[in-house]
PDB file of N, CA and C in Angstrom:
ATOM      1  N   MET A   1      -3.413 -18.745 -13.070  1.00  0.00           N
ATOM      2  CA  MET A   1      -4.449 -19.673 -12.701  1.00  0.00           C
ATOM      3  C   MET A   1      -5.374 -19.923 -13.876  1.00  0.00           C
ATOM      4  N   ALA A   2      -5.658 -18.887 -14.668  1.00  0.00           N
ATOM      5  CA  ALA A   2      -6.558 -19.046 -15.795  1.00  0.00           C
ATOM      6  C   ALA A   2      -5.963 -19.997 -16.822  1.00  0.00           C
ATOM      7  N   LYS A   3      -4.655 -19.881 -17.052  1.00  0.00           N
ATOM      8  CA  LYS A   3      -4.010 -20.768 -18.012  1.00  0.00           C
ATOM      9  C   LYS A   3      -4.008 -22.203 -17.498  1.00  0.00           C
ATOM     10  N   ALA A   4      -3.878 -22.368 -16.200  1.00  0.00           N
ATOM     11  CA  ALA A   4      -3.905 -23.711 -15.625  1.00  0.00           C
ATOM     12  C   ALA A   4      -5.286 -24.327 -15.797  1.00  0.00           C
ATOM     13  N   MET A   5      -6.318 -23.514 -15.641  1.00  0.00           N
ATOM     14  CA  MET A   5      -7.683 -24.021 -15.785  1.00  0.00           C
ATOM     15  C   MET A   5      -7.941 -24.424 -17.239  1.00  0.00           C
ATOM     16  N   THR A   6      -7.525 -23.566 -18.183  1.00  0.00           N
ATOM     17  CA  THR A   6      -7.766 -23.897 -19.583  1.00  0.00           C
ATOM     18  C   THR A   6      -6.884 -25.054 -20.026  1.00  0.00           C
ATOM     19  N   ALA A   7      -5.686 -25.162 -19.460  1.00  0.00           N
ATOM     20  CA  ALA A   7      -4.818 -26.279 -19.807  1.00  0.00           C
ATOM     21  C   ALA A   7      -5.395 -27.582 -19.276  1.00  0.00           C
ATOM     22  N   ALA A   8      -6.030 -27.523 -18.105  1.00  0.00           N
ATOM     23  CA  ALA A   8      -6.617 -28.728 -17.523  1.00  0.00           C
ATOM     24  C   ALA A   8      -7.818 -29.195 -18.340  1.00  0.00           C
ATOM     25  N   THR A   9      -8.597 -28.232 -18.862  1.00  0.00           N
ATOM     26  CA  THR A   9      -9.762 -28.624 -19.659  1.00  0.00           C
ATOM     27  C   THR A   9      -9.368 -28.907 -21.097  1.00  0.00           C
ATOM     28  N   GLY A  10      -8.234 -28.375 -21.533  1.00  0.00           N
ATOM     29  CA  GLY A  10      -7.776 -28.637 -22.887  1.00  0.00           C
ATOM     30  C   GLY A  10      -8.433 -27.733 -23.905  1.00  0.00           C
ATOM     31  N   ASP A  11      -9.265 -26.785 -23.471  1.00  0.00           N
ATOM     32  CA  ASP A  11      -9.979 -25.897 -24.385  1.00  0.00           C
ATOM     33  C   ASP A  11      -9.466 -24.484 -24.195  1.00  0.00           C
ATOM     34  N   ASP A  12      -8.580 -24.052 -25.113  1.00  0.00           N
ATOM     35  CA  ASP A  12      -7.965 -22.735 -24.990  1.00  0.00           C
ATOM     36  C   ASP A  12      -8.659 -21.711 -25.877  1.00  0.00           C
ATOM     37  N   SER A  13      -9.801 -22.063 -26.425  1.00  0.00           N
ATOM     38  CA  SER A  13     -10.521 -21.142 -27.300  1.00  0.00           C
ATOM     39  C   SER A  13     -11.266 -20.108 -26.467  1.00  0.00           C
ATOM     40  N   PHE A  14     -11.757 -19.089 -27.150  1.00  0.00           N
ATOM     41  CA  PHE A  14     -12.510 -18.040 -26.473  1.00  0.00           C
ATOM     42  C   PHE A  14     -13.768 -18.607 -25.834  1.00  0.00           C
ATOM     43  N   ALA A  15     -14.451 -19.470 -26.535  1.00  0.00           N
ATOM     44  CA  ALA A  15     -15.669 -20.082 -25.995  1.00  0.00           C
ATOM     45  C   ALA A  15     -15.356 -20.940 -24.770  1.00  0.00           C
ATOM     46  N   GLY A  16     -14.236 -21.635 -24.792  1.00  0.00           N
ATOM     47  CA  GLY A  16     -13.842 -22.453 -23.650  1.00  0.00           C
ATOM     48  C   GLY A  16     -13.543 -21.611 -22.425  1.00  0.00           C
ATOM     49  N   ARG A  17     -12.906 -20.452 -22.661  1.00  0.00           N
ATOM     50  CA  ARG A  17     -12.626 -19.554 -21.539  1.00  0.00           C
ATOM     51  C   ARG A  17     -13.916 -18.966 -20.975  1.00  0.00           C
ATOM     52  N   ILE A  18     -14.848 -18.652 -21.840  1.00  0.00           N
ATOM     53  CA  ILE A  18     -16.132 -18.109 -21.371  1.00  0.00           C
ATOM     54  C   ILE A  18     -16.893 -19.169 -20.587  1.00  0.00           C
ATOM     55  N   LYS A  19     -16.854 -20.408 -21.046  1.00  0.00           N
ATOM     56  CA  LYS A  19     -17.565 -21.489 -20.352  1.00  0.00           C
ATOM     57  C   LYS A  19     -16.949 -21.769 -18.978  1.00  0.00           C
ATOM     58  N   SER A  20     -15.644 -21.595 -18.860  1.00  0.00           N
ATOM     59  CA  SER A  20     -14.988 -21.894 -17.580  1.00  0.00           C
ATOM     60  C   SER A  20     -15.049 -20.719 -16.612  1.00  0.00           C
ATOM     61  N   TRP A  21     -15.561 -19.573 -17.050  1.00  0.00           N
ATOM     62  CA  TRP A  21     -15.603 -18.387 -16.211  1.00  0.00           C
ATOM     63  C   TRP A  21     -16.358 -18.605 -14.898  1.00  0.00           C
ATOM     64  N   PRO A  22     -17.583 -19.140 -14.890  1.00  0.00           N
ATOM     65  CA  PRO A  22     -18.265 -19.338 -13.603  1.00  0.00           C
ATOM     66  C   PRO A  22     -17.491 -20.263 -12.653  1.00  0.00           C
ATOM     67  N   GLU A  23     -16.872 -21.291 -13.200  1.00  0.00           N
ATOM     68  CA  GLU A  23     -16.091 -22.205 -12.360  1.00  0.00           C
ATOM     69  C   GLU A  23     -14.869 -21.507 -11.781  1.00  0.00           C
ATOM     70  N   ARG A  24     -14.218 -20.675 -12.579  1.00  0.00           N
ATOM     71  CA  ARG A  24     -13.045 -19.943 -12.090  1.00  0.00           C
ATOM     72  C   ARG A  24     -13.434 -18.941 -11.009  1.00  0.00           C
ATOM     73  N   ILE A  25     -14.566 -18.274 -11.185  1.00  0.00           N
ATOM     74  CA  ILE A  25     -15.040 -17.323 -10.176  1.00  0.00           C
ATOM     75  C   ILE A  25     -15.367 -18.063  -8.880  1.00  0.00           C
ATOM     76  N   ALA A  26     -16.040 -19.203  -8.993  1.00  0.00           N
ATOM     77  CA  ALA A  26     -16.385 -19.992  -7.804  1.00  0.00           C
ATOM     78  C   ALA A  26     -15.110 -20.453  -7.086  1.00  0.00           C
ATOM     79  N   ASN A  27     -14.102 -20.884  -7.840  1.00  0.00           N
ATOM     80  CA  ASN A  27     -12.826 -21.295  -7.238  1.00  0.00           C
ATOM     81  C   ASN A  27     -12.142 -20.122  -6.536  1.00  0.00           C
ATOM     82  N   PHE A  28     -12.203 -18.954  -7.155  1.00  0.00           N
ATOM     83  CA  PHE A  28     -11.604 -17.771  -6.547  1.00  0.00           C
ATOM     84  C   PHE A  28     -12.262 -17.466  -5.205  1.00  0.00           C
ATOM     85  N   TYR A  29     -13.587 -17.445  -5.172  1.00  0.00           N
ATOM     86  CA  TYR A  29     -14.291 -17.154  -3.916  1.00  0.00           C
ATOM     87  C   TYR A  29     -14.064 -18.249  -2.875  1.00  0.00           C
ATOM     88  N   ARG A  30     -13.997 -19.479  -3.306  1.00  0.00           N
ATOM     89  CA  ARG A  30     -13.740 -20.581  -2.382  1.00  0.00           C
ATOM     90  C   ARG A  30     -12.340 -20.436  -1.775  1.00  0.00           C
ATOM     91  N   ASP A  31     -11.357 -20.142  -2.619  1.00  0.00           N
ATOM     92  CA  ASP A  31      -9.993 -19.942  -2.127  1.00  0.00           C
ATOM     93  C   ASP A  31      -9.906 -18.731  -1.192  1.00  0.00           C
ATOM     94  N   THR A  32     -10.638 -17.671  -1.535  1.00  0.00           N
ATOM     95  CA  THR A  32     -10.643 -16.481  -0.697  1.00  0.00           C
ATOM     96  C   THR A  32     -11.233 -16.782   0.673  1.00  0.00           C
ATOM     97  N   ARG A  33     -12.339 -17.499   0.713  1.00  0.00           N
ATOM     98  CA  ARG A  33     -12.953 -17.855   1.998  1.00  0.00           C
ATOM     99  C   ARG A  33     -12.012 -18.730   2.824  1.00  0.00           C
ATOM    100  N   THR A  34     -11.336 -19.658   2.168  1.00  0.00           N
ATOM    101  CA  THR A  34     -10.394 -20.524   2.875  1.00  0.00           C
ATOM    102  C   THR A  34      -9.275 -19.703   3.495  1.00  0.00           C
ATOM    103  N   GLU A  35      -8.732 -18.761   2.753  1.00  0.00           N
ATOM    104  CA  GLU A  35      -7.648 -17.926   3.273  1.00  0.00           C
ATOM    105  C   GLU A  35      -8.141 -16.991   4.370  1.00  0.00           C
ATOM    106  N   MET A  36      -9.337 -16.463   4.233  1.00  0.00           N
ATOM    107  CA  MET A  36      -9.867 -15.544   5.244  1.00  0.00           C
ATOM    108  C   MET A  36     -10.151 -16.257   6.564  1.00  0.00           C
ATOM    109  N   ARG A  37     -10.408 -17.532   6.517  1.00  0.00           N
ATOM    110  CA  ARG A  37     -10.599 -18.282   7.758  1.00  0.00           C
ATOM    111  C   ARG A  37      -9.290 -18.396   8.544  1.00  0.00           C
ATOM    112  N   LYS A  38      -8.166 -18.276   7.859  1.00  0.00           N
ATOM    113  CA  LYS A  38      -6.861 -18.366   8.514  1.00  0.00           C
ATOM    114  C   LYS A  38      -6.449 -17.044   9.169  1.00  0.00           C
ATOM    115  N   VAL A  39      -7.144 -15.954   8.835  1.00  0.00           N
ATOM    116  CA  VAL A  39      -6.792 -14.632   9.338  1.00  0.00           C
ATOM    117  C   VAL A  39      -7.296 -14.482  10.771  1.00  0.00           C
ATOM    118  N   THR A  40      -6.427 -13.953  11.626  1.00  0.00           N
ATOM    119  CA  THR A  40      -6.827 -13.683  13.013  1.00  0.00           C
ATOM    120  C   THR A  40      -6.594 -12.217  13.319  1.00  0.00           C
ATOM    121  N   ALA A  41      -7.445 -11.655  14.149  1.00  0.00           N
ATOM    122  CA  ALA A  41      -7.301 -10.260  14.555  1.00  0.00           C
ATOM    123  C   ALA A  41      -6.282 -10.178  15.688  1.00  0.00           C
ATOM    124  N   PRO A  42      -5.477  -9.128  15.704  1.00  0.00           N
ATOM    125  CA  PRO A  42      -4.505  -8.989  16.785  1.00  0.00           C
ATOM    126  C   PRO A  42      -5.214  -8.624  18.092  1.00  0.00           C
ATOM    127  N   PRO A  43      -4.587  -8.923  19.219  1.00  0.00           N
ATOM    128  CA  PRO A  43      -5.172  -8.539  20.507  1.00  0.00           C
ATOM    129  C   PRO A  43      -5.238  -7.017  20.649  1.00  0.00           C
ATOM    130  N   PHE A  44      -6.150  -6.549  21.487  1.00  0.00           N
ATOM    131  CA  PHE A  44      -6.362  -5.116  21.672  1.00  0.00           C
ATOM    132  C   PHE A  44      -5.088  -4.414  22.160  1.00  0.00           C
ATOM    133  N   LYS A  45      -4.342  -5.049  23.044  1.00  0.00           N
ATOM    134  CA  LYS A  45      -3.097  -4.453  23.566  1.00  0.00           C
ATOM    135  C   LYS A  45      -2.090  -4.217  22.431  1.00  0.00           C
ATOM    136  N   GLU A  46      -2.012  -5.159  21.512  1.00  0.00           N
ATOM    137  CA  GLU A  46      -1.085  -5.010  20.381  1.00  0.00           C
ATOM    138  C   GLU A  46      -1.530  -3.874  19.469  1.00  0.00           C
ATOM    139  N   VAL A  47      -2.823  -3.758  19.248  1.00  0.00           N
ATOM    140  CA  VAL A  47      -3.348  -2.661  18.430  1.00  0.00           C
ATOM    141  C   VAL A  47      -3.033  -1.324  19.089  1.00  0.00           C
ATOM    142  N   GLN A  48      -3.229  -1.243  20.406  1.00  0.00           N
ATOM    143  CA  GLN A  48      -2.909  -0.015  21.132  1.00  0.00           C
ATOM    144  C   GLN A  48      -1.424   0.328  21.008  1.00  0.00           C
ATOM    145  N   ALA A  49      -0.586  -0.650  21.189  1.00  0.00           N
ATOM    146  CA  ALA A  49       0.860  -0.412  21.151  1.00  0.00           C
ATOM    147  C   ALA A  49       1.307   0.063  19.776  1.00  0.00           C
ATOM    148  N   THR A  50       0.837  -0.583  18.735  1.00  0.00           N
ATOM    149  CA  THR A  50       1.255  -0.178  17.389  1.00  0.00           C
ATOM    150  C   THR A  50       0.658   1.171  17.017  1.00  0.00           C
ATOM    151  N   THR A  51      -0.534   1.482  17.519  1.00  0.00           N
ATOM    152  CA  THR A  51      -1.124   2.793  17.260  1.00  0.00           C
ATOM    153  C   THR A  51      -0.299   3.887  17.907  1.00  0.00           C
ATOM    154  N   VAL A  52       0.152   3.667  19.127  1.00  0.00           N
ATOM    155  CA  VAL A  52       1.003   4.650  19.810  1.00  0.00           C
ATOM    156  C   VAL A  52       2.310   4.834  19.046  1.00  0.00           C
ATOM    157  N   VAL A  53       2.892   3.748  18.585  1.00  0.00           N
ATOM    158  CA  VAL A  53       4.144   3.836  17.818  1.00  0.00           C
ATOM    159  C   VAL A  53       3.926   4.656  16.546  1.00  0.00           C
ATOM    160  N   VAL A  54       2.832   4.423  15.861  1.00  0.00           N
ATOM    161  CA  VAL A  54       2.549   5.158  14.622  1.00  0.00           C
ATOM    162  C   VAL A  54       2.349   6.642  14.914  1.00  0.00           C
ATOM    163  N   ILE A  55       1.591   6.964  15.941  1.00  0.00           N
ATOM    164  CA  ILE A  55       1.330   8.374  16.265  1.00  0.00           C
ATOM    165  C   ILE A  55       2.619   9.087  16.661  1.00  0.00           C
ATOM    166  N   VAL A  56       3.437   8.464  17.498  1.00  0.00           N
ATOM    167  CA  VAL A  56       4.706   9.073  17.904  1.00  0.00           C
ATOM    168  C   VAL A  56       5.615   9.258  16.691  1.00  0.00           C
ATOM    169  N   THR A  57       5.672   8.261  15.832  1.00  0.00           N
ATOM    170  CA  THR A  57       6.512   8.350  14.628  1.00  0.00           C
ATOM    171  C   THR A  57       6.041   9.473  13.713  1.00  0.00           C
ATOM    172  N   VAL A  58       4.740   9.609  13.555  1.00  0.00           N
ATOM    173  CA  VAL A  58       4.204  10.681  12.707  1.00  0.00           C
ATOM    174  C   VAL A  58       4.616  12.040  13.255  1.00  0.00           C
ATOM    175  N   PHE A  59       4.509  12.231  14.573  1.00  0.00           N
ATOM    176  CA  PHE A  59       4.906  13.512  15.155  1.00  0.00           C
ATOM    177  C   PHE A  59       6.411  13.747  15.040  1.00  0.00           C
ATOM    178  N   LEU A  60       7.208  12.707  15.205  1.00  0.00           N
ATOM    179  CA  LEU A  60       8.659  12.867  15.041  1.00  0.00           C
ATOM    180  C   LEU A  60       9.013  13.284  13.616  1.00  0.00           C
ATOM    181  N   PHE A  61       8.419  12.608  12.641  1.00  0.00           N
ATOM    182  CA  PHE A  61       8.691  12.971  11.246  1.00  0.00           C
ATOM    183  C   PHE A  61       8.158  14.364  10.927  1.00  0.00           C
ATOM    184  N   ALA A  62       7.005  14.714  11.475  1.00  0.00           N
ATOM    185  CA  ALA A  62       6.465  16.058  11.253  1.00  0.00           C
ATOM    186  C   ALA A  62       7.423  17.105  11.799  1.00  0.00           C
ATOM    187  N   GLY A  63       7.950  16.877  13.003  1.00  0.00           N
ATOM    188  CA  GLY A  63       8.920  17.811  13.575  1.00  0.00           C
ATOM    189  C   GLY A  63      10.178  17.902  12.743  1.00  0.00           C
ATOM    190  N   TYR A  64      10.662  16.767  12.302  1.00  0.00           N
ATOM    191  CA  TYR A  64      11.882  16.745  11.476  1.00  0.00           C
ATOM    192  C   TYR A  64      11.668  17.526  10.183  1.00  0.00           C
ATOM    193  N   PHE A  65      10.557  17.254   9.491  1.00  0.00           N
ATOM    194  CA  PHE A  65      10.311  17.944   8.223  1.00  0.00           C
ATOM    195  C   PHE A  65      10.039  19.431   8.440  1.00  0.00           C
ATOM    196  N   TRP A  66       9.457  19.803   9.584  1.00  0.00           N
ATOM    197  CA  TRP A  66       9.253  21.214   9.884  1.00  0.00           C
ATOM    198  C   TRP A  66      10.612  21.903  10.037  1.00  0.00           C
ATOM    199  N   VAL A  67      11.523  21.275  10.777  1.00  0.00           N
ATOM    200  CA  VAL A  67      12.860  21.850  10.971  1.00  0.00           C
ATOM    201  C   VAL A  67      13.579  21.975   9.630  1.00  0.00           C
ATOM    202  N   VAL A  68      13.526  20.947   8.821  1.00  0.00           N
ATOM    203  CA  VAL A  68      14.187  20.989   7.506  1.00  0.00           C
ATOM    204  C   VAL A  68      13.545  22.071   6.630  1.00  0.00           C
ATOM    205  N   ASP A  69      12.228  22.170   6.657  1.00  0.00           N
ATOM    206  CA  ASP A  69      11.523  23.169   5.861  1.00  0.00           C
ATOM    207  C   ASP A  69      11.921  24.588   6.282  1.00  0.00           C
ATOM    208  N   VAL A  70      11.937  24.835   7.582  1.00  0.00           N
ATOM    209  CA  VAL A  70      12.304  26.161   8.078  1.00  0.00           C
ATOM    210  C   VAL A  70      13.759  26.467   7.722  1.00  0.00           C
ATOM    211  N   ALA A  71      14.657  25.499   7.905  1.00  0.00           N
ATOM    212  CA  ALA A  71      16.072  25.724   7.597  1.00  0.00           C
ATOM    213  C   ALA A  71      16.270  26.009   6.108  1.00  0.00           C
ATOM    214  N   LEU A  72      15.640  25.214   5.257  1.00  0.00           N
ATOM    215  CA  LEU A  72      15.783  25.449   3.816  1.00  0.00           C
ATOM    216  C   LEU A  72      15.132  26.767   3.409  1.00  0.00           C
ATOM    217  N   GLY A  73      13.997  27.076   3.999  1.00  0.00           N
ATOM    218  CA  GLY A  73      13.316  28.334   3.689  1.00  0.00           C
ATOM    219  C   GLY A  73      14.169  29.537   4.044  1.00  0.00           C
ATOM    220  N   HIS A  74      14.764  29.512   5.238  1.00  0.00           N
ATOM    221  CA  HIS A  74      15.639  30.612   5.646  1.00  0.00           C
ATOM    222  C   HIS A  74      16.892  30.668   4.772  1.00  0.00           C
ATOM    223  N   SER A  75      17.434  29.515   4.413  1.00  0.00           N
ATOM    224  CA  SER A  75      18.633  29.494   3.562  1.00  0.00           C
ATOM    225  C   SER A  75      18.337  30.078   2.194  1.00  0.00           C
ATOM    226  N   ILE A  76      17.246  29.692   1.612  1.00  0.00           N
ATOM    227  CA  ILE A  76      16.896  30.206   0.274  1.00  0.00           C
ATOM    228  C   ILE A  76      16.586  31.700   0.362  1.00  0.00           C
ATOM    229  N   ASP A  77      15.881  32.098   1.410  1.00  0.00           N
ATOM    230  CA  ASP A  77      15.583  33.522   1.598  1.00  0.00           C
ATOM    231  C   ASP A  77      16.871  34.325   1.744  1.00  0.00           C
ATOM    232  N   TYR A  78      17.806  33.794   2.517  1.00  0.00           N
ATOM    233  CA  TYR A  78      19.091  34.464   2.701  1.00  0.00           C
ATOM    234  C   TYR A  78      19.836  34.578   1.363  1.00  0.00           C
ATOM    235  N   MET A  79      19.838  33.520   0.577  1.00  0.00           N
ATOM    236  CA  MET A  79      20.522  33.550  -0.719  1.00  0.00           C
ATOM    237  C   MET A  79      19.877  34.573  -1.644  1.00  0.00           C
ATOM    238  N   PHE A  80      18.557  34.636  -1.697  1.00  0.00           N
ATOM    239  CA  PHE A  80      17.891  35.628  -2.548  1.00  0.00           C
ATOM    240  C   PHE A  80      18.233  37.047  -2.103  1.00  0.00           C
ATOM    241  N   ARG A  81      18.204  37.292  -0.807  1.00  0.00           N
ATOM    242  CA  ARG A  81      18.539  38.628  -0.308  1.00  0.00           C
ATOM    243  C   ARG A  81      20.008  38.967  -0.598  1.00  0.00           C
ATOM    244  N   TYR A  82      20.877  38.010  -0.450  1.00  0.00           N
ATOM    245  CA  TYR A  82      22.308  38.232  -0.689  1.00  0.00           C
ATOM    246  C   TYR A  82      22.553  38.568  -2.149  1.00  0.00           C
ATOM    247  N   PHE A  83      21.974  37.772  -3.054  1.00  0.00           N
ATOM    248  CA  PHE A  83      22.240  37.975  -4.472  1.00  0.00           C
ATOM    249  C   PHE A  83      21.493  39.167  -5.051  1.00  0.00           C
ATOM    250  N   THR A  84      20.401  39.601  -4.451  1.00  0.00           N
ATOM    251  CA  THR A  84      19.709  40.785  -4.966  1.00  0.00           C
ATOM    252  C   THR A  84      20.400  42.063  -4.525  1.00  0.00           C
ATOM    253  N   HIS A  85      21.172  42.034  -3.448  1.00  0.00           N
ATOM    254  CA  HIS A  85      21.875  43.232  -2.984  1.00  0.00           C
ATOM    255  C   HIS A  85      23.274  43.362  -3.589  1.00  0.00           C
ATOM    256  N   LEU A  86      23.651  42.502  -4.479  1.00  0.00           N
ATOM    257  CA  LEU A  86      24.981  42.573  -5.108  1.00  0.00           C
ATOM    258  C   LEU A  86      25.030  43.666  -6.171  1.00  0.00           C
ATOM    259  N   HIS A  87      23.902  44.032  -6.703  1.00  0.00           N
ATOM    260  CA  HIS A  87      23.914  45.020  -7.788  1.00  0.00           C
ATOM    261  C   HIS A  87      24.350  46.352  -7.338  1.00  0.00           C
TER     262      HIS A  87
END
């Protein structure tokens, strides 16, 4: 966008970029306000539903990683005990 602004004004010098800075900032905020007006909040029921999905998913993954952690921990412990008793 900055190159488009300087190309439109024809002034690609440092001073030209500094002079166009307030205009570029104003355009950025104007564009941001325009886009934010298009944003809508989801209905409360949808927020509730997605929150439940996230919480259930977090607990499922926590359970899965706990099982994997315990299995790997016991496996590594077993290997250490096995290899230390070989002597």
